[in-house]
Amino acid sequence: MAELGVAILVNGGEPSSGSDVLNFNGTGGDVTVNLENSTILETGMGLVTFTGIETLNVDAMGGNITVVGT
């Protein structure tokens, strides 16, 4: 699968009445979540960068999930 090359930035901003939640639903490719760089990358897709997100939910739809972070 060729990489689509479309980058996405998700900015949750400041939580005023609760938490900002990002739900990432993959398409079956392997997904890497890098908590140090605040990025999500699925094989064949563009990079998703997030900031101001308190809760991150990831469903790789059958693909492997790798989490990088401390």
PDB file of N, CA and C in Angstrom:
ATOM      1  N   MET A   1       0.845  -1.173   0.000  1.00  0.00           N
ATOM      2  CA  MET A   1       0.000   0.000   0.000  1.00  0.00           C
ATOM      3  C   MET A   1       0.891   1.238   0.000  1.00  0.00           C
ATOM      4  N   ALA A   2       0.678   2.148  -0.880  1.00  0.00           N
ATOM      5  CA  ALA A   2       1.448   3.398  -0.924  1.00  0.00           C
ATOM      6  C   ALA A   2       0.968   4.337   0.163  1.00  0.00           C
ATOM      7  N   GLU A   3       1.916   5.052   0.755  1.00  0.00           N
ATOM      8  CA  GLU A   3       1.552   6.012   1.799  1.00  0.00           C
ATOM      9  C   GLU A   3       0.779   7.173   1.195  1.00  0.00           C
ATOM     10  N   LEU A   4      -0.298   7.547   1.843  1.00  0.00           N
ATOM     11  CA  LEU A   4      -1.145   8.623   1.335  1.00  0.00           C
ATOM     12  C   LEU A   4      -0.491   9.985   1.464  1.00  0.00           C
ATOM     13  N   GLY A   5       0.377  10.173   2.463  1.00  0.00           N
ATOM     14  CA  GLY A   5       1.100  11.427   2.607  1.00  0.00           C
ATOM     15  C   GLY A   5       0.278  12.588   3.116  1.00  0.00           C
ATOM     16  N   VAL A   6      -0.863  12.324   3.701  1.00  0.00           N
ATOM     17  CA  VAL A   6      -1.695  13.381   4.258  1.00  0.00           C
ATOM     18  C   VAL A   6      -1.463  13.413   5.763  1.00  0.00           C
ATOM     19  N   ALA A   7      -0.888  14.508   6.249  1.00  0.00           N
ATOM     20  CA  ALA A   7      -0.638  14.651   7.682  1.00  0.00           C
ATOM     21  C   ALA A   7      -1.833  15.324   8.342  1.00  0.00           C
ATOM     22  N   ILE A   8      -2.126  14.904   9.560  1.00  0.00           N
ATOM     23  CA  ILE A   8      -3.263  15.448  10.302  1.00  0.00           C
ATOM     24  C   ILE A   8      -2.776  15.941  11.659  1.00  0.00           C
ATOM     25  N   LEU A   9      -3.214  17.137  12.056  1.00  0.00           N
ATOM     26  CA  LEU A   9      -2.915  17.689  13.371  1.00  0.00           C
ATOM     27  C   LEU A   9      -4.215  17.810  14.152  1.00  0.00           C
ATOM     28  N   VAL A  10      -4.249  17.217  15.347  1.00  0.00           N
ATOM     29  CA  VAL A  10      -5.418  17.302  16.221  1.00  0.00           C
ATOM     30  C   VAL A  10      -5.009  18.083  17.458  1.00  0.00           C
ATOM     31  N   ASN A  11      -5.676  19.227  17.705  1.00  0.00           N
ATOM     32  CA  ASN A  11      -5.363  20.069  18.852  1.00  0.00           C
ATOM     33  C   ASN A  11      -6.571  20.092  19.774  1.00  0.00           C
ATOM     34  N   GLY A  12      -6.415  19.466  20.942  1.00  0.00           N
ATOM     35  CA  GLY A  12      -7.516  19.414  21.898  1.00  0.00           C
ATOM     36  C   GLY A  12      -7.706  20.697  22.672  1.00  0.00           C
ATOM     37  N   GLY A  13      -6.676  21.541  22.707  1.00  0.00           N
ATOM     38  CA  GLY A  13      -6.792  22.798  23.436  1.00  0.00           C
ATOM     39  C   GLY A  13      -6.792  22.585  24.935  1.00  0.00           C
ATOM     40  N   GLU A  14      -7.293  23.566  25.637  1.00  0.00           N
ATOM     41  CA  GLU A  14      -7.357  23.523  27.096  1.00  0.00           C
ATOM     42  C   GLU A  14      -8.689  22.920  27.530  1.00  0.00           C
ATOM     43  N   PRO A  15      -8.651  21.947  28.435  1.00  0.00           N
ATOM     44  CA  PRO A  15      -9.930  21.387  28.910  1.00  0.00           C
ATOM     45  C   PRO A  15     -10.626  22.356  29.862  1.00  0.00           C
ATOM     46  N   SER A  16     -11.822  22.776  29.499  1.00  0.00           N
ATOM     47  CA  SER A  16     -12.560  23.707  30.352  1.00  0.00           C
ATOM     48  C   SER A  16     -13.673  23.002  31.119  1.00  0.00           C
ATOM     49  N   SER A  17     -14.284  21.997  30.517  1.00  0.00           N
ATOM     50  CA  SER A  17     -15.377  21.302  31.204  1.00  0.00           C
ATOM     51  C   SER A  17     -15.228  19.790  31.064  1.00  0.00           C
ATOM     52  N   GLY A  18     -13.997  19.316  31.068  1.00  0.00           N
ATOM     53  CA  GLY A  18     -13.782  17.879  30.930  1.00  0.00           C
ATOM     54  C   GLY A  18     -12.517  17.586  30.168  1.00  0.00           C
ATOM     55  N   SER A  19     -12.412  16.398  29.685  1.00  0.00           N
ATOM     56  CA  SER A  19     -11.211  15.966  28.982  1.00  0.00           C
ATOM     57  C   SER A  19     -11.418  15.974  27.481  1.00  0.00           C
ATOM     58  N   ASP A  20     -10.310  16.143  26.774  1.00  0.00           N
ATOM     59  CA  ASP A  20     -10.315  16.026  25.316  1.00  0.00           C
ATOM     60  C   ASP A  20      -9.965  14.583  24.969  1.00  0.00           C
ATOM     61  N   VAL A  21     -10.783  13.963  24.121  1.00  0.00           N
ATOM     62  CA  VAL A  21     -10.619  12.559  23.760  1.00  0.00           C
ATOM     63  C   VAL A  21     -10.370  12.456  22.267  1.00  0.00           C
ATOM     64  N   LEU A  22      -9.353  11.667  21.884  1.00  0.00           N
ATOM     65  CA  LEU A  22      -9.080  11.365  20.482  1.00  0.00           C
ATOM     66  C   LEU A  22      -9.309   9.876  20.281  1.00  0.00           C
ATOM     67  N   ASN A  23     -10.239   9.531  19.392  1.00  0.00           N
ATOM     68  CA  ASN A  23     -10.492   8.142  19.018  1.00  0.00           C
ATOM     69  C   ASN A  23      -9.873   7.906  17.649  1.00  0.00           C
ATOM     70  N   PHE A  24      -8.874   7.023  17.584  1.00  0.00           N
ATOM     71  CA  PHE A  24      -8.209   6.691  16.325  1.00  0.00           C
ATOM     72  C   PHE A  24      -8.649   5.294  15.914  1.00  0.00           C
ATOM     73  N   ASN A  25      -9.332   5.188  14.781  1.00  0.00           N
ATOM     74  CA  ASN A  25      -9.757   3.904  14.239  1.00  0.00           C
ATOM     75  C   ASN A  25      -8.939   3.601  13.004  1.00  0.00           C
ATOM     76  N   GLY A  26      -8.123   2.562  13.088  1.00  0.00           N
ATOM     77  CA  GLY A  26      -7.282   2.179  11.965  1.00  0.00           C
ATOM     78  C   GLY A  26      -8.065   1.437  10.899  1.00  0.00           C
ATOM     79  N   THR A  27      -7.322   0.981   9.893  1.00  0.00           N
ATOM     80  CA  THR A  27      -7.935   0.247   8.787  1.00  0.00           C
ATOM     81  C   THR A  27      -7.400  -1.176   8.682  1.00  0.00           C
ATOM     82  N   GLY A  28      -6.645  -1.624   9.704  1.00  0.00           N
ATOM     83  CA  GLY A  28      -6.107  -2.981   9.700  1.00  0.00           C
ATOM     84  C   GLY A  28      -4.601  -3.054   9.583  1.00  0.00           C
ATOM     85  N   GLY A  29      -3.959  -1.939   9.271  1.00  0.00           N
ATOM     86  CA  GLY A  29      -2.496  -1.907   9.214  1.00  0.00           C
ATOM     87  C   GLY A  29      -1.908  -1.778  10.604  1.00  0.00           C
ATOM     88  N   ASP A  30      -0.611  -2.046  10.711  1.00  0.00           N
ATOM     89  CA  ASP A  30       0.062  -1.888  12.000  1.00  0.00           C
ATOM     90  C   ASP A  30       0.086  -0.420  12.398  1.00  0.00           C
ATOM     91  N   VAL A  31      -0.130  -0.152  13.691  1.00  0.00           N
ATOM     92  CA  VAL A  31      -0.215   1.212  14.208  1.00  0.00           C
ATOM     93  C   VAL A  31       0.869   1.406  15.262  1.00  0.00           C
ATOM     94  N   THR A  32       1.603   2.510  15.147  1.00  0.00           N
ATOM     95  CA  THR A  32       2.588   2.891  16.152  1.00  0.00           C
ATOM     96  C   THR A  32       2.131   4.177  16.815  1.00  0.00           C
ATOM     97  N   VAL A  33       1.989   4.124  18.137  1.00  0.00           N
ATOM     98  CA  VAL A  33       1.645   5.299  18.932  1.00  0.00           C
ATOM     99  C   VAL A  33       2.914   5.721  19.656  1.00  0.00           C
ATOM    100  N   ASN A  34       3.382   6.935  19.388  1.00  0.00           N
ATOM    101  CA  ASN A  34       4.577   7.459  20.042  1.00  0.00           C
ATOM    102  C   ASN A  34       4.129   8.535  21.022  1.00  0.00           C
ATOM    103  N   LEU A  35       4.115   8.187  22.303  1.00  0.00           N
ATOM    104  CA  LEU A  35       3.652   9.124  23.327  1.00  0.00           C
ATOM    105  C   LEU A  35       4.667  10.221  23.599  1.00  0.00           C
ATOM    106  N   GLU A  36       5.955   9.962  23.322  1.00  0.00           N
ATOM    107  CA  GLU A  36       6.987  10.985  23.510  1.00  0.00           C
ATOM    108  C   GLU A  36       6.854  12.101  22.478  1.00  0.00           C
ATOM    109  N   ASN A  37       6.496  11.727  21.234  1.00  0.00           N
ATOM    110  CA  ASN A  37       6.353  12.711  20.149  1.00  0.00           C
ATOM    111  C   ASN A  37       4.904  13.102  19.895  1.00  0.00           C
ATOM    112  N   SER A  38       3.956  12.486  20.605  1.00  0.00           N
ATOM    113  CA  SER A  38       2.520  12.728  20.418  1.00  0.00           C
ATOM    114  C   SER A  38       2.100  12.487  18.974  1.00  0.00           C
ATOM    115  N   THR A  39       2.445  11.287  18.464  1.00  0.00           N
ATOM    116  CA  THR A  39       2.093  10.939  17.091  1.00  0.00           C
ATOM    117  C   THR A  39       1.494   9.541  17.017  1.00  0.00           C
ATOM    118  N   ILE A  40       0.709   9.338  15.959  1.00  0.00           N
ATOM    119  CA  ILE A  40       0.156   8.029  15.623  1.00  0.00           C
ATOM    120  C   ILE A  40       0.464   7.803  14.148  1.00  0.00           C
ATOM    121  N   LEU A  41       1.000   6.625  13.821  1.00  0.00           N
ATOM    122  CA  LEU A  41       1.302   6.312  12.429  1.00  0.00           C
ATOM    123  C   LEU A  41       0.818   4.906  12.116  1.00  0.00           C
ATOM    124  N   GLU A  42      -0.042   4.804  11.111  1.00  0.00           N
ATOM    125  CA  GLU A  42      -0.489   3.499  10.625  1.00  0.00           C
ATOM    126  C   GLU A  42       0.214   3.211   9.309  1.00  0.00           C
ATOM    127  N   THR A  43       0.640   1.968   9.123  1.00  0.00           N
ATOM    128  CA  THR A  43       1.308   1.570   7.891  1.00  0.00           C
ATOM    129  C   THR A  43       0.470   1.981   6.684  1.00  0.00           C
ATOM    130  N   GLY A  44       1.091   2.713   5.764  1.00  0.00           N
ATOM    131  CA  GLY A  44       0.419   3.131   4.543  1.00  0.00           C
ATOM    132  C   GLY A  44      -0.381   4.409   4.650  1.00  0.00           C
ATOM    133  N   MET A  45      -0.429   4.999   5.827  1.00  0.00           N
ATOM    134  CA  MET A  45      -1.219   6.214   6.021  1.00  0.00           C
ATOM    135  C   MET A  45      -0.324   7.369   6.439  1.00  0.00           C
ATOM    136  N   GLY A  46      -0.885   8.562   6.505  1.00  0.00           N
ATOM    137  CA  GLY A  46      -0.146   9.744   6.920  1.00  0.00           C
ATOM    138  C   GLY A  46      -0.032   9.838   8.433  1.00  0.00           C
ATOM    139  N   LEU A  47       0.873  10.672   8.886  1.00  0.00           N
ATOM    140  CA  LEU A  47       1.145  10.861  10.303  1.00  0.00           C
ATOM    141  C   LEU A  47       0.048  11.695  10.962  1.00  0.00           C
ATOM    142  N   VAL A  48      -0.396  11.261  12.141  1.00  0.00           N
ATOM    143  CA  VAL A  48      -1.340  12.023  12.951  1.00  0.00           C
ATOM    144  C   VAL A  48      -0.573  12.552  14.152  1.00  0.00           C
ATOM    145  N   THR A  49      -0.557  13.869  14.320  1.00  0.00           N
ATOM    146  CA  THR A  49       0.090  14.510  15.462  1.00  0.00           C
ATOM    147  C   THR A  49      -1.001  15.079  16.353  1.00  0.00           C
ATOM    148  N   PHE A  50      -0.859  14.881  17.667  1.00  0.00           N
ATOM    149  CA  PHE A  50      -1.884  15.380  18.577  1.00  0.00           C
ATOM    150  C   PHE A  50      -1.259  16.165  19.720  1.00  0.00           C
ATOM    151  N   THR A  51      -2.037  17.126  20.219  1.00  0.00           N
ATOM    152  CA  THR A  51      -1.622  17.938  21.354  1.00  0.00           C
ATOM    153  C   THR A  51      -2.855  18.293  22.172  1.00  0.00           C
ATOM    154  N   GLY A  52      -2.695  18.443  23.472  1.00  0.00           N
ATOM    155  CA  GLY A  52      -3.820  18.812  24.327  1.00  0.00           C
ATOM    156  C   GLY A  52      -4.850  17.717  24.482  1.00  0.00           C
ATOM    157  N   ILE A  53      -4.458  16.472  24.266  1.00  0.00           N
ATOM    158  CA  ILE A  53      -5.375  15.337  24.368  1.00  0.00           C
ATOM    159  C   ILE A  53      -5.116  14.621  25.691  1.00  0.00           C
ATOM    160  N   GLU A  54      -6.162  14.461  26.502  1.00  0.00           N
ATOM    161  CA  GLU A  54      -6.006  13.775  27.779  1.00  0.00           C
ATOM    162  C   GLU A  54      -6.266  12.269  27.674  1.00  0.00           C
ATOM    163  N   THR A  55      -7.138  11.863  26.763  1.00  0.00           N
ATOM    164  CA  THR A  55      -7.471  10.447  26.596  1.00  0.00           C
ATOM    165  C   THR A  55      -7.325  10.065  25.130  1.00  0.00           C
ATOM    166  N   LEU A  56      -6.546   9.003  24.872  1.00  0.00           N
ATOM    167  CA  LEU A  56      -6.325   8.512  23.511  1.00  0.00           C
ATOM    168  C   LEU A  56      -6.803   7.070  23.433  1.00  0.00           C
ATOM    169  N   ASN A  57      -7.764   6.816  22.552  1.00  0.00           N
ATOM    170  CA  ASN A  57      -8.270   5.467  22.312  1.00  0.00           C
ATOM    171  C   ASN A  57      -7.843   5.050  20.911  1.00  0.00           C
ATOM    172  N   VAL A  58      -7.214   3.872  20.796  1.00  0.00           N
ATOM    173  CA  VAL A  58      -6.718   3.401  19.503  1.00  0.00           C
ATOM    174  C   VAL A  58      -7.283   2.017  19.223  1.00  0.00           C
ATOM    175  N   ASP A  59      -7.892   1.856  18.047  1.00  0.00           N
ATOM    176  CA  ASP A  59      -8.365   0.560  17.565  1.00  0.00           C
ATOM    177  C   ASP A  59      -7.687   0.315  16.221  1.00  0.00           C
ATOM    178  N   ALA A  60      -6.782  -0.650  16.174  1.00  0.00           N
ATOM    179  CA  ALA A  60      -6.034  -0.931  14.943  1.00  0.00           C
ATOM    180  C   ALA A  60      -6.815  -1.829  13.993  1.00  0.00           C
ATOM    181  N   MET A  61      -8.027  -2.202  14.344  1.00  0.00           N
ATOM    182  CA  MET A  61      -8.894  -3.042  13.504  1.00  0.00           C
ATOM    183  C   MET A  61      -8.189  -4.327  13.063  1.00  0.00           C
ATOM    184  N   GLY A  62      -7.503  -4.977  14.014  1.00  0.00           N
ATOM    185  CA  GLY A  62      -6.833  -6.241  13.719  1.00  0.00           C
ATOM    186  C   GLY A  62      -5.344  -6.118  13.490  1.00  0.00           C
ATOM    187  N   GLY A  63      -4.856  -4.911  13.237  1.00  0.00           N
ATOM    188  CA  GLY A  63      -3.416  -4.705  13.067  1.00  0.00           C
ATOM    189  C   GLY A  63      -2.708  -4.702  14.410  1.00  0.00           C
ATOM    190  N   ASN A  64      -1.388  -4.818  14.370  1.00  0.00           N
ATOM    191  CA  ASN A  64      -0.594  -4.756  15.594  1.00  0.00           C
ATOM    192  C   ASN A  64      -0.488  -3.321  16.080  1.00  0.00           C
ATOM    193  N   ILE A  65      -0.458  -3.143  17.406  1.00  0.00           N
ATOM    194  CA  ILE A  65      -0.264  -1.822  18.004  1.00  0.00           C
ATOM    195  C   ILE A  65       1.053  -1.824  18.761  1.00  0.00           C
ATOM    196  N   THR A  66       1.905  -0.848  18.451  1.00  0.00           N
ATOM    197  CA  THR A  66       3.155  -0.642  19.172  1.00  0.00           C
ATOM    198  C   THR A  66       3.072   0.709  19.857  1.00  0.00           C
ATOM    199  N   VAL A  67       3.374   0.736  21.159  1.00  0.00           N
ATOM    200  CA  VAL A  67       3.355   1.987  21.915  1.00  0.00           C
ATOM    201  C   VAL A  67       4.775   2.309  22.341  1.00  0.00           C
ATOM    202  N   VAL A  68       5.239   3.519  21.974  1.00  0.00           N
ATOM    203  CA  VAL A  68       6.563   4.000  22.340  1.00  0.00           C
ATOM    204  C   VAL A  68       6.369   5.117  23.348  1.00  0.00           C
ATOM    205  N   GLY A  69       7.037   5.021  24.477  1.00  0.00           N
ATOM    206  CA  GLY A  69       6.904   6.066  25.488  1.00  0.00           C
ATOM    207  C   GLY A  69       7.498   5.624  26.803  1.00  0.00           C
ATOM    208  N   THR A  70       7.491   6.536  27.736  1.00  0.00           N
ATOM    209  CA  THR A  70       8.032   6.211  29.056  1.00  0.00           C
ATOM    210  C   THR A  70       6.940   6.276  30.096  1.00  0.00           C
TER     211      THR A  70
END
